[in-house]
């Protein structure tokens, strides 16, 4: 069984495989009413890029961790794709969509960690 920490690391690596940028991890572990343990948020520069990042995460986590998402939504339009891994939800946005929904500000009472971009 893949731990939540390992799952988060695999998801981040899957995002980085396709040059996903501006990765944030929102930790809800100290918020009793949160529906999940963490969000991982990233962005791509086009709908094609967002879809490609989501495909990379799905494949990378399955191959390296043996875990499949419970569900994926938004892949048709790819301006915001959400992937449900139970204890971790992955949000991959176009930059303008990310700014519109601003999940980091919405969940500002959670612990937020920024992951450095890989160039």
N, C-alpha and C. Protein backbone atom coordinates (compact mmCIF):
# COMPACT_ATOMS: atom_id res chain seq x y z
N UNK A 1 0.84 -1.19 0.00
CA UNK A 1 0.00 0.00 0.00
C UNK A 1 0.88 1.24 0.00
N UNK A 2 0.58 2.18 -0.86
CA UNK A 2 1.32 3.42 -0.96
C UNK A 2 0.83 4.39 0.10
N UNK A 3 1.75 4.94 0.91
CA UNK A 3 1.36 5.90 1.94
C UNK A 3 0.96 7.21 1.28
N UNK A 4 0.27 8.07 2.05
CA UNK A 4 -0.13 9.37 1.51
C UNK A 4 1.10 10.19 1.13
N UNK A 5 2.16 10.13 1.93
CA UNK A 5 3.39 10.87 1.63
C UNK A 5 3.98 10.38 0.31
N UNK A 6 4.06 9.07 0.15
CA UNK A 6 4.59 8.51 -1.10
C UNK A 6 3.71 8.88 -2.29
N UNK A 7 2.39 8.83 -2.08
CA UNK A 7 1.45 9.17 -3.15
C UNK A 7 1.65 10.62 -3.59
N UNK A 8 1.79 11.53 -2.64
CA UNK A 8 2.03 12.93 -2.99
C UNK A 8 3.31 13.09 -3.79
N UNK A 9 4.36 12.41 -3.39
CA UNK A 9 5.63 12.49 -4.11
C UNK A 9 5.50 11.96 -5.53
N UNK A 10 4.79 10.84 -5.69
CA UNK A 10 4.59 10.27 -7.03
C UNK A 10 3.78 11.22 -7.92
N UNK A 11 2.75 11.83 -7.34
CA UNK A 11 1.92 12.77 -8.10
C UNK A 11 2.77 13.96 -8.56
N UNK A 12 3.57 14.50 -7.67
CA UNK A 12 4.43 15.64 -8.02
C UNK A 12 5.41 15.24 -9.11
N UNK A 13 6.00 14.07 -8.99
CA UNK A 13 6.93 13.60 -10.03
C UNK A 13 6.21 13.43 -11.37
N UNK A 14 4.98 12.91 -11.34
CA UNK A 14 4.20 12.77 -12.57
C UNK A 14 3.89 14.12 -13.21
N UNK A 15 3.62 15.12 -12.38
CA UNK A 15 3.40 16.48 -12.90
C UNK A 15 4.68 17.01 -13.53
N UNK A 16 5.78 16.83 -12.84
CA UNK A 16 7.07 17.34 -13.32
C UNK A 16 7.54 16.63 -14.58
N UNK A 17 7.13 15.38 -14.78
CA UNK A 17 7.49 14.63 -16.00
C UNK A 17 7.04 15.36 -17.26
N UNK A 18 5.91 16.07 -17.17
CA UNK A 18 5.37 16.79 -18.32
C UNK A 18 5.49 18.31 -18.16
N UNK A 19 6.44 18.72 -17.32
CA UNK A 19 6.75 20.14 -17.16
C UNK A 19 5.59 20.95 -16.60
N UNK A 20 4.77 20.33 -15.73
CA UNK A 20 3.76 21.08 -15.00
C UNK A 20 4.46 22.08 -14.09
N UNK A 21 3.84 23.24 -13.88
CA UNK A 21 4.50 24.32 -13.16
C UNK A 21 3.64 24.82 -12.00
N UNK A 22 4.27 25.64 -11.17
CA UNK A 22 3.59 26.31 -10.05
C UNK A 22 2.85 25.30 -9.17
N UNK A 23 3.55 24.28 -8.72
CA UNK A 23 2.95 23.22 -7.92
C UNK A 23 2.82 23.68 -6.47
N UNK A 24 1.62 23.51 -5.92
CA UNK A 24 1.35 23.79 -4.52
C UNK A 24 0.75 22.54 -3.89
N UNK A 25 1.12 22.31 -2.63
CA UNK A 25 0.52 21.23 -1.86
C UNK A 25 -0.24 21.87 -0.70
N UNK A 26 -1.53 21.61 -0.63
CA UNK A 26 -2.36 22.12 0.46
C UNK A 26 -2.63 20.95 1.40
N UNK A 27 -2.14 21.05 2.63
CA UNK A 27 -2.24 19.98 3.62
C UNK A 27 -3.43 20.26 4.54
N UNK A 28 -4.41 19.35 4.51
CA UNK A 28 -5.61 19.48 5.33
C UNK A 28 -5.57 18.58 6.57
N UNK A 29 -4.44 17.98 6.87
CA UNK A 29 -4.39 16.97 7.93
C UNK A 29 -4.85 17.49 9.29
N UNK A 30 -4.75 18.77 9.54
CA UNK A 30 -5.16 19.34 10.83
C UNK A 30 -6.56 19.95 10.78
N UNK A 31 -7.28 19.79 9.66
CA UNK A 31 -8.63 20.33 9.52
C UNK A 31 -9.61 19.15 9.51
N UNK A 32 -10.32 18.99 10.61
CA UNK A 32 -11.20 17.82 10.79
C UNK A 32 -12.32 17.73 9.76
N UNK A 33 -12.79 18.86 9.26
CA UNK A 33 -13.93 18.84 8.35
C UNK A 33 -13.55 18.71 6.88
N UNK A 34 -12.26 18.64 6.58
CA UNK A 34 -11.83 18.54 5.18
C UNK A 34 -12.21 17.18 4.60
N UNK A 35 -12.58 17.18 3.34
CA UNK A 35 -13.02 15.95 2.67
C UNK A 35 -11.87 15.06 2.25
N UNK A 36 -10.65 15.58 2.28
CA UNK A 36 -9.47 14.83 1.86
C UNK A 36 -8.27 15.28 2.67
N UNK A 37 -7.17 14.58 2.55
CA UNK A 37 -5.96 14.92 3.30
C UNK A 37 -5.14 16.02 2.67
N UNK A 38 -5.20 16.14 1.32
CA UNK A 38 -4.37 17.13 0.65
C UNK A 38 -4.88 17.40 -0.75
N UNK A 39 -4.61 18.60 -1.22
CA UNK A 39 -4.74 18.96 -2.62
C UNK A 39 -3.33 19.14 -3.16
N UNK A 40 -3.10 18.71 -4.38
CA UNK A 40 -1.90 19.09 -5.11
C UNK A 40 -2.39 19.86 -6.33
N UNK A 41 -1.91 21.09 -6.47
CA UNK A 41 -2.37 21.98 -7.52
C UNK A 41 -1.19 22.30 -8.43
N UNK A 42 -1.45 22.28 -9.74
CA UNK A 42 -0.41 22.62 -10.71
C UNK A 42 -1.09 23.26 -11.91
N UNK A 43 -0.27 23.74 -12.83
CA UNK A 43 -0.84 24.33 -14.04
C UNK A 43 -0.04 23.97 -15.27
N UNK A 44 -0.75 23.99 -16.38
CA UNK A 44 -0.15 23.82 -17.70
C UNK A 44 -0.47 25.04 -18.53
N UNK A 45 0.23 25.22 -19.65
CA UNK A 45 0.08 26.46 -20.41
C UNK A 45 -0.95 26.40 -21.54
N UNK A 46 -1.59 25.25 -21.74
CA UNK A 46 -2.65 25.12 -22.75
C UNK A 46 -3.54 23.95 -22.34
N UNK A 47 -4.70 23.83 -22.98
CA UNK A 47 -5.57 22.69 -22.65
C UNK A 47 -4.88 21.37 -22.99
N UNK A 48 -4.12 21.36 -24.07
CA UNK A 48 -3.37 20.15 -24.44
C UNK A 48 -2.35 19.80 -23.36
N UNK A 49 -1.66 20.81 -22.85
CA UNK A 49 -0.66 20.60 -21.80
C UNK A 49 -1.31 20.11 -20.51
N UNK A 50 -2.43 20.72 -20.13
CA UNK A 50 -3.15 20.29 -18.92
C UNK A 50 -3.55 18.83 -19.05
N UNK A 51 -4.12 18.45 -20.19
CA UNK A 51 -4.51 17.05 -20.41
C UNK A 51 -3.32 16.12 -20.37
N UNK A 52 -2.22 16.55 -20.94
CA UNK A 52 -1.00 15.73 -20.95
C UNK A 52 -0.45 15.53 -19.54
N UNK A 53 -0.48 16.58 -18.72
CA UNK A 53 -0.03 16.46 -17.33
C UNK A 53 -0.91 15.45 -16.59
N UNK A 54 -2.22 15.55 -16.77
CA UNK A 54 -3.13 14.61 -16.10
C UNK A 54 -2.85 13.17 -16.52
N UNK A 55 -2.63 12.95 -17.82
CA UNK A 55 -2.30 11.60 -18.30
C UNK A 55 -0.99 11.11 -17.68
N UNK A 56 -0.02 12.00 -17.57
CA UNK A 56 1.26 11.64 -16.98
C UNK A 56 1.09 11.23 -15.52
N UNK A 57 0.33 12.02 -14.77
CA UNK A 57 0.11 11.68 -13.36
C UNK A 57 -0.55 10.32 -13.24
N UNK A 58 -1.61 10.10 -14.01
CA UNK A 58 -2.32 8.82 -13.95
C UNK A 58 -1.38 7.65 -14.24
N UNK A 59 -0.60 7.75 -15.30
CA UNK A 59 0.30 6.66 -15.67
C UNK A 59 1.45 6.52 -14.67
N UNK A 60 2.06 7.63 -14.27
CA UNK A 60 3.22 7.59 -13.38
C UNK A 60 2.86 6.98 -12.03
N UNK A 61 1.73 7.38 -11.48
CA UNK A 61 1.31 6.86 -10.17
C UNK A 61 0.93 5.38 -10.28
N UNK A 62 0.28 5.00 -11.38
CA UNK A 62 -0.10 3.60 -11.57
C UNK A 62 1.14 2.71 -11.72
N UNK A 63 2.08 3.13 -12.54
CA UNK A 63 3.27 2.32 -12.81
C UNK A 63 4.20 2.26 -11.60
N UNK A 64 4.42 3.40 -10.94
CA UNK A 64 5.40 3.47 -9.86
C UNK A 64 4.83 3.25 -8.46
N UNK A 65 3.52 3.35 -8.33
CA UNK A 65 2.91 3.18 -7.01
C UNK A 65 1.79 2.15 -6.97
N UNK A 66 1.38 1.68 -8.15
CA UNK A 66 0.30 0.69 -8.21
C UNK A 66 -1.05 1.24 -7.80
N UNK A 67 -1.26 2.55 -7.93
CA UNK A 67 -2.50 3.19 -7.50
C UNK A 67 -3.18 3.84 -8.70
N UNK A 68 -4.49 3.61 -8.81
CA UNK A 68 -5.29 4.25 -9.85
C UNK A 68 -6.21 5.26 -9.18
N UNK A 69 -6.55 6.34 -9.89
CA UNK A 69 -7.48 7.31 -9.29
C UNK A 69 -8.88 6.72 -9.20
N UNK A 70 -9.63 7.19 -8.19
CA UNK A 70 -11.03 6.79 -8.07
C UNK A 70 -11.86 7.43 -9.18
N UNK A 71 -11.43 8.60 -9.62
CA UNK A 71 -12.14 9.28 -10.69
C UNK A 71 -11.33 10.43 -11.23
N UNK A 72 -11.65 10.81 -12.46
CA UNK A 72 -11.02 11.95 -13.12
C UNK A 72 -12.15 12.75 -13.76
N UNK A 73 -12.15 14.06 -13.56
CA UNK A 73 -13.18 14.90 -14.16
C UNK A 73 -12.52 16.10 -14.83
N UNK A 74 -13.11 16.56 -15.91
CA UNK A 74 -12.63 17.74 -16.60
C UNK A 74 -11.70 17.46 -17.76
N UNK A 75 -11.39 16.20 -18.02
CA UNK A 75 -10.44 15.87 -19.08
C UNK A 75 -10.98 16.22 -20.47
N UNK A 76 -12.30 16.36 -20.60
CA UNK A 76 -12.89 16.69 -21.90
C UNK A 76 -12.48 18.09 -22.34
N UNK A 77 -12.55 19.06 -21.42
CA UNK A 77 -12.22 20.45 -21.73
C UNK A 77 -10.78 20.80 -21.40
N UNK A 78 -10.27 20.20 -20.36
CA UNK A 78 -8.88 20.36 -19.90
C UNK A 78 -8.49 21.78 -19.54
N UNK A 79 -9.44 22.59 -19.05
CA UNK A 79 -9.01 23.85 -18.46
C UNK A 79 -8.87 23.69 -16.94
N UNK A 80 -9.49 22.62 -16.41
CA UNK A 80 -9.33 22.24 -15.01
C UNK A 80 -9.62 20.74 -14.93
N UNK A 81 -8.60 19.96 -14.66
CA UNK A 81 -8.77 18.52 -14.50
C UNK A 81 -8.57 18.21 -13.02
N UNK A 82 -9.50 17.46 -12.44
CA UNK A 82 -9.38 17.03 -11.05
C UNK A 82 -9.29 15.51 -11.03
N UNK A 83 -8.35 15.02 -10.23
CA UNK A 83 -8.11 13.58 -10.10
C UNK A 83 -8.26 13.22 -8.62
N UNK A 84 -9.11 12.24 -8.34
CA UNK A 84 -9.40 11.84 -6.96
C UNK A 84 -8.63 10.57 -6.62
N UNK A 85 -7.64 10.72 -5.76
CA UNK A 85 -6.87 9.57 -5.25
C UNK A 85 -7.25 9.27 -3.80
N UNK A 86 -8.46 9.65 -3.39
CA UNK A 86 -8.92 9.39 -2.03
C UNK A 86 -8.34 10.39 -1.05
N UNK A 87 -7.18 10.10 -0.52
CA UNK A 87 -6.56 10.99 0.47
C UNK A 87 -5.87 12.19 -0.16
N UNK A 88 -5.73 12.18 -1.48
CA UNK A 88 -5.10 13.29 -2.21
C UNK A 88 -5.92 13.57 -3.47
N UNK A 89 -6.26 14.84 -3.65
CA UNK A 89 -6.93 15.26 -4.88
C UNK A 89 -5.96 16.12 -5.67
N UNK A 90 -5.89 15.90 -6.96
CA UNK A 90 -4.98 16.63 -7.84
C UNK A 90 -5.81 17.58 -8.71
N UNK A 91 -5.42 18.85 -8.73
CA UNK A 91 -6.07 19.87 -9.55
C UNK A 91 -5.03 20.39 -10.53
N UNK A 92 -5.32 20.27 -11.82
CA UNK A 92 -4.42 20.78 -12.86
C UNK A 92 -5.21 21.80 -13.66
N UNK A 93 -4.70 23.02 -13.68
CA UNK A 93 -5.42 24.16 -14.23
C UNK A 93 -4.68 24.81 -15.39
N UNK A 94 -5.44 25.54 -16.21
CA UNK A 94 -4.88 26.61 -17.01
C UNK A 94 -4.64 27.77 -16.04
N UNK A 95 -3.65 28.62 -16.29
CA UNK A 95 -3.36 29.70 -15.34
C UNK A 95 -4.56 30.60 -15.03
N UNK A 96 -5.32 31.00 -16.05
CA UNK A 96 -6.45 31.90 -15.81
C UNK A 96 -7.56 31.22 -15.01
N UNK A 97 -7.76 29.93 -15.20
CA UNK A 97 -8.77 29.19 -14.44
C UNK A 97 -8.32 29.04 -13.00
N UNK A 98 -7.04 28.79 -12.81
CA UNK A 98 -6.49 28.70 -11.45
C UNK A 98 -6.69 30.02 -10.70
N UNK A 99 -6.42 31.12 -11.36
CA UNK A 99 -6.61 32.43 -10.70
C UNK A 99 -8.08 32.66 -10.36
N UNK A 100 -8.99 32.25 -11.24
CA UNK A 100 -10.42 32.46 -11.02
C UNK A 100 -10.89 31.72 -9.76
N UNK A 101 -10.49 30.46 -9.60
CA UNK A 101 -10.97 29.67 -8.47
C UNK A 101 -10.11 29.83 -7.22
N UNK A 102 -8.85 30.17 -7.38
CA UNK A 102 -7.94 30.53 -6.30
C UNK A 102 -8.08 29.63 -5.06
N UNK A 103 -7.87 28.34 -5.25
CA UNK A 103 -8.03 27.37 -4.15
C UNK A 103 -7.09 27.64 -2.99
N UNK A 104 -5.90 28.15 -3.28
CA UNK A 104 -4.96 28.44 -2.19
C UNK A 104 -5.52 29.49 -1.25
N UNK A 105 -6.18 30.51 -1.78
CA UNK A 105 -6.78 31.54 -0.93
C UNK A 105 -8.02 31.00 -0.23
N UNK A 106 -8.80 30.21 -0.94
CA UNK A 106 -10.01 29.62 -0.37
C UNK A 106 -9.68 28.76 0.85
N UNK A 107 -8.56 28.05 0.79
CA UNK A 107 -8.14 27.15 1.87
C UNK A 107 -6.92 27.72 2.60
N UNK A 108 -6.91 29.01 2.83
CA UNK A 108 -5.76 29.66 3.45
C UNK A 108 -5.52 29.23 4.90
N UNK A 109 -6.51 28.58 5.53
CA UNK A 109 -6.31 28.07 6.90
C UNK A 109 -5.55 26.74 6.91
N UNK A 110 -5.30 26.17 5.75
CA UNK A 110 -4.52 24.93 5.63
C UNK A 110 -3.04 25.29 5.48
N UNK A 111 -2.17 24.28 5.64
CA UNK A 111 -0.74 24.48 5.40
C UNK A 111 -0.47 24.36 3.90
N UNK A 112 0.15 25.38 3.35
CA UNK A 112 0.40 25.40 1.91
C UNK A 112 1.91 25.41 1.67
N UNK A 113 2.37 24.47 0.86
CA UNK A 113 3.78 24.37 0.51
C UNK A 113 3.93 24.53 -1.00
N UNK A 114 4.85 25.37 -1.40
CA UNK A 114 5.15 25.56 -2.82
C UNK A 114 6.30 24.61 -3.20
N UNK A 115 6.18 23.98 -4.37
CA UNK A 115 7.23 23.11 -4.89
C UNK A 115 7.92 23.86 -6.01
N UNK A 116 9.25 23.92 -5.94
CA UNK A 116 10.03 24.65 -6.95
C UNK A 116 9.84 24.01 -8.33
N UNK A 117 9.72 24.86 -9.34
CA UNK A 117 9.64 24.38 -10.72
C UNK A 117 10.97 23.77 -11.14
N UNK A 118 10.90 22.74 -11.96
CA UNK A 118 12.08 22.15 -12.55
C UNK A 118 12.22 22.72 -13.94
N UNK A 119 13.33 23.32 -14.22
CA UNK A 119 13.53 23.92 -15.56
C UNK A 119 14.27 23.01 -16.47
